[in-house]
Amino acid sequence: MKDSVDDSQTVPRVASDPPAQPAEEPMLYCPVCSRKLAARKCKLFCEICGYYMSCSDYY
């Protein structure tokens, strides 16, 4: 005798949630005015208030 599955009692498939977006690094935001810093070569700088961080400051 074959086992049969009653389709009316099966659980519908649910699409999984999309993967969460990676959180942005806090160092990418200006500590003075909270705007996103712009990257130029080895520096991050704020176009609003003039704050900048060089690559040696990252560590």
C-alpha atoms as a PDB file:
ATOM      1  CA  MET A   1       0.000   0.000   0.000  1.00  0.00           C
ATOM      2  CA  LYS A   2       1.351   3.436  -0.947  1.00  0.00           C
ATOM      3  CA  ASP A   3       1.465   6.305   1.487  1.00  0.00           C
ATOM      4  CA  SER A   4      -0.381   9.246   0.080  1.00  0.00           C
ATOM      5  CA  VAL A   5      -0.086  12.856   1.140  1.00  0.00           C
ATOM      6  CA  ASP A   6      -3.197  14.946   1.432  1.00  0.00           C
ATOM      7  CA  ASP A   7      -2.286  18.300  -0.226  1.00  0.00           C
ATOM      8  CA  SER A   8      -4.925  20.125   1.818  1.00  0.00           C
ATOM      9  CA  GLN A   9      -2.937  19.486   5.001  1.00  0.00           C
ATOM     10  CA  THR A  10       0.553  20.429   3.853  1.00  0.00           C
ATOM     11  CA  VAL A  11       2.116  23.615   5.064  1.00  0.00           C
ATOM     12  CA  PRO A  12       2.620  26.165   2.299  1.00  0.00           C
ATOM     13  CA  ARG A  13       6.177  27.171   1.564  1.00  0.00           C
ATOM     14  CA  VAL A  14       7.120  30.599   2.779  1.00  0.00           C
ATOM     15  CA  ALA A  15       9.828  32.564   1.061  1.00  0.00           C
ATOM     16  CA  SER A  16      12.678  33.218   3.426  1.00  0.00           C
ATOM     17  CA  ASP A  17      13.435  36.752   4.434  1.00  0.00           C
ATOM     18  CA  PRO A  18      16.024  38.460   2.256  1.00  0.00           C
ATOM     19  CA  PRO A  19      19.448  38.706   3.859  1.00  0.00           C
ATOM     20  CA  ALA A  20      19.856  41.740   6.062  1.00  0.00           C
ATOM     21  CA  GLN A  21      21.853  44.620   4.621  1.00  0.00           C
ATOM     22  CA  PRO A  22      25.236  44.929   6.295  1.00  0.00           C
ATOM     23  CA  ALA A  23      25.331  47.773   8.764  1.00  0.00           C
ATOM     24  CA  GLU A  24      27.474  50.675   7.696  1.00  0.00           C
ATOM     25  CA  GLU A  25      30.598  51.373   9.657  1.00  0.00           C
ATOM     26  CA  PRO A  26      30.234  54.195  12.195  1.00  0.00           C
ATOM     27  CA  MET A  27      33.602  55.577  11.072  1.00  0.00           C
ATOM     28  CA  LEU A  28      31.989  56.497   7.733  1.00  0.00           C
ATOM     29  CA  TYR A  29      30.037  59.285   9.468  1.00  0.00           C
ATOM     30  CA  CYS A  30      31.322  62.636  10.676  1.00  0.00           C
ATOM     31  CA  PRO A  31      31.669  62.787  14.474  1.00  0.00           C
ATOM     32  CA  VAL A  32      31.003  66.560  14.344  1.00  0.00           C
ATOM     33  CA  CYS A  33      27.851  66.871  12.218  1.00  0.00           C
ATOM     34  CA  SER A  34      26.841  63.211  11.594  1.00  0.00           C
ATOM     35  CA  ARG A  35      26.890  63.505   7.794  1.00  0.00           C
ATOM     36  CA  LYS A  36      28.331  60.662   5.724  1.00  0.00           C
ATOM     37  CA  LEU A  37      32.019  61.182   5.002  1.00  0.00           C
ATOM     38  CA  ALA A  38      33.243  61.294   1.414  1.00  0.00           C
ATOM     39  CA  ALA A  39      36.258  59.188   0.422  1.00  0.00           C
ATOM     40  CA  ARG A  40      39.203  60.644  -1.458  1.00  0.00           C
ATOM     41  CA  LYS A  41      42.323  58.514  -1.835  1.00  0.00           C
ATOM     42  CA  CYS A  42      43.440  57.677   1.714  1.00  0.00           C
ATOM     43  CA  LYS A  43      41.195  60.191   3.451  1.00  0.00           C
ATOM     44  CA  LEU A  44      37.608  60.455   4.584  1.00  0.00           C
ATOM     45  CA  PHE A  45      36.322  64.004   4.781  1.00  0.00           C
ATOM     46  CA  CYS A  46      33.114  65.849   5.541  1.00  0.00           C
ATOM     47  CA  GLU A  47      31.940  68.154   2.768  1.00  0.00           C
ATOM     48  CA  ILE A  48      29.735  70.037   5.254  1.00  0.00           C
ATOM     49  CA  CYS A  49      31.969  70.947   8.208  1.00  0.00           C
ATOM     50  CA  GLY A  50      35.463  70.139   6.887  1.00  0.00           C
ATOM     51  CA  TYR A  51      36.325  67.330   9.328  1.00  0.00           C
ATOM     52  CA  TYR A  52      38.763  64.791   7.876  1.00  0.00           C
ATOM     53  CA  MET A  53      40.384  61.546   8.863  1.00  0.00           C
ATOM     54  CA  SER A  54      43.482  60.177   7.164  1.00  0.00           C
ATOM     55  CA  CYS A  55      44.205  56.486   6.641  1.00  0.00           C
ATOM     56  CA  SER A  56      46.596  56.473   9.594  1.00  0.00           C
ATOM     57  CA  ASP A  57      43.681  57.510  11.839  1.00  0.00           C
ATOM     58  CA  TYR A  58      41.627  54.411  10.960  1.00  0.00           C
ATOM     59  CA  TYR A  59      43.533  52.189  13.366  1.00  0.00           C
END
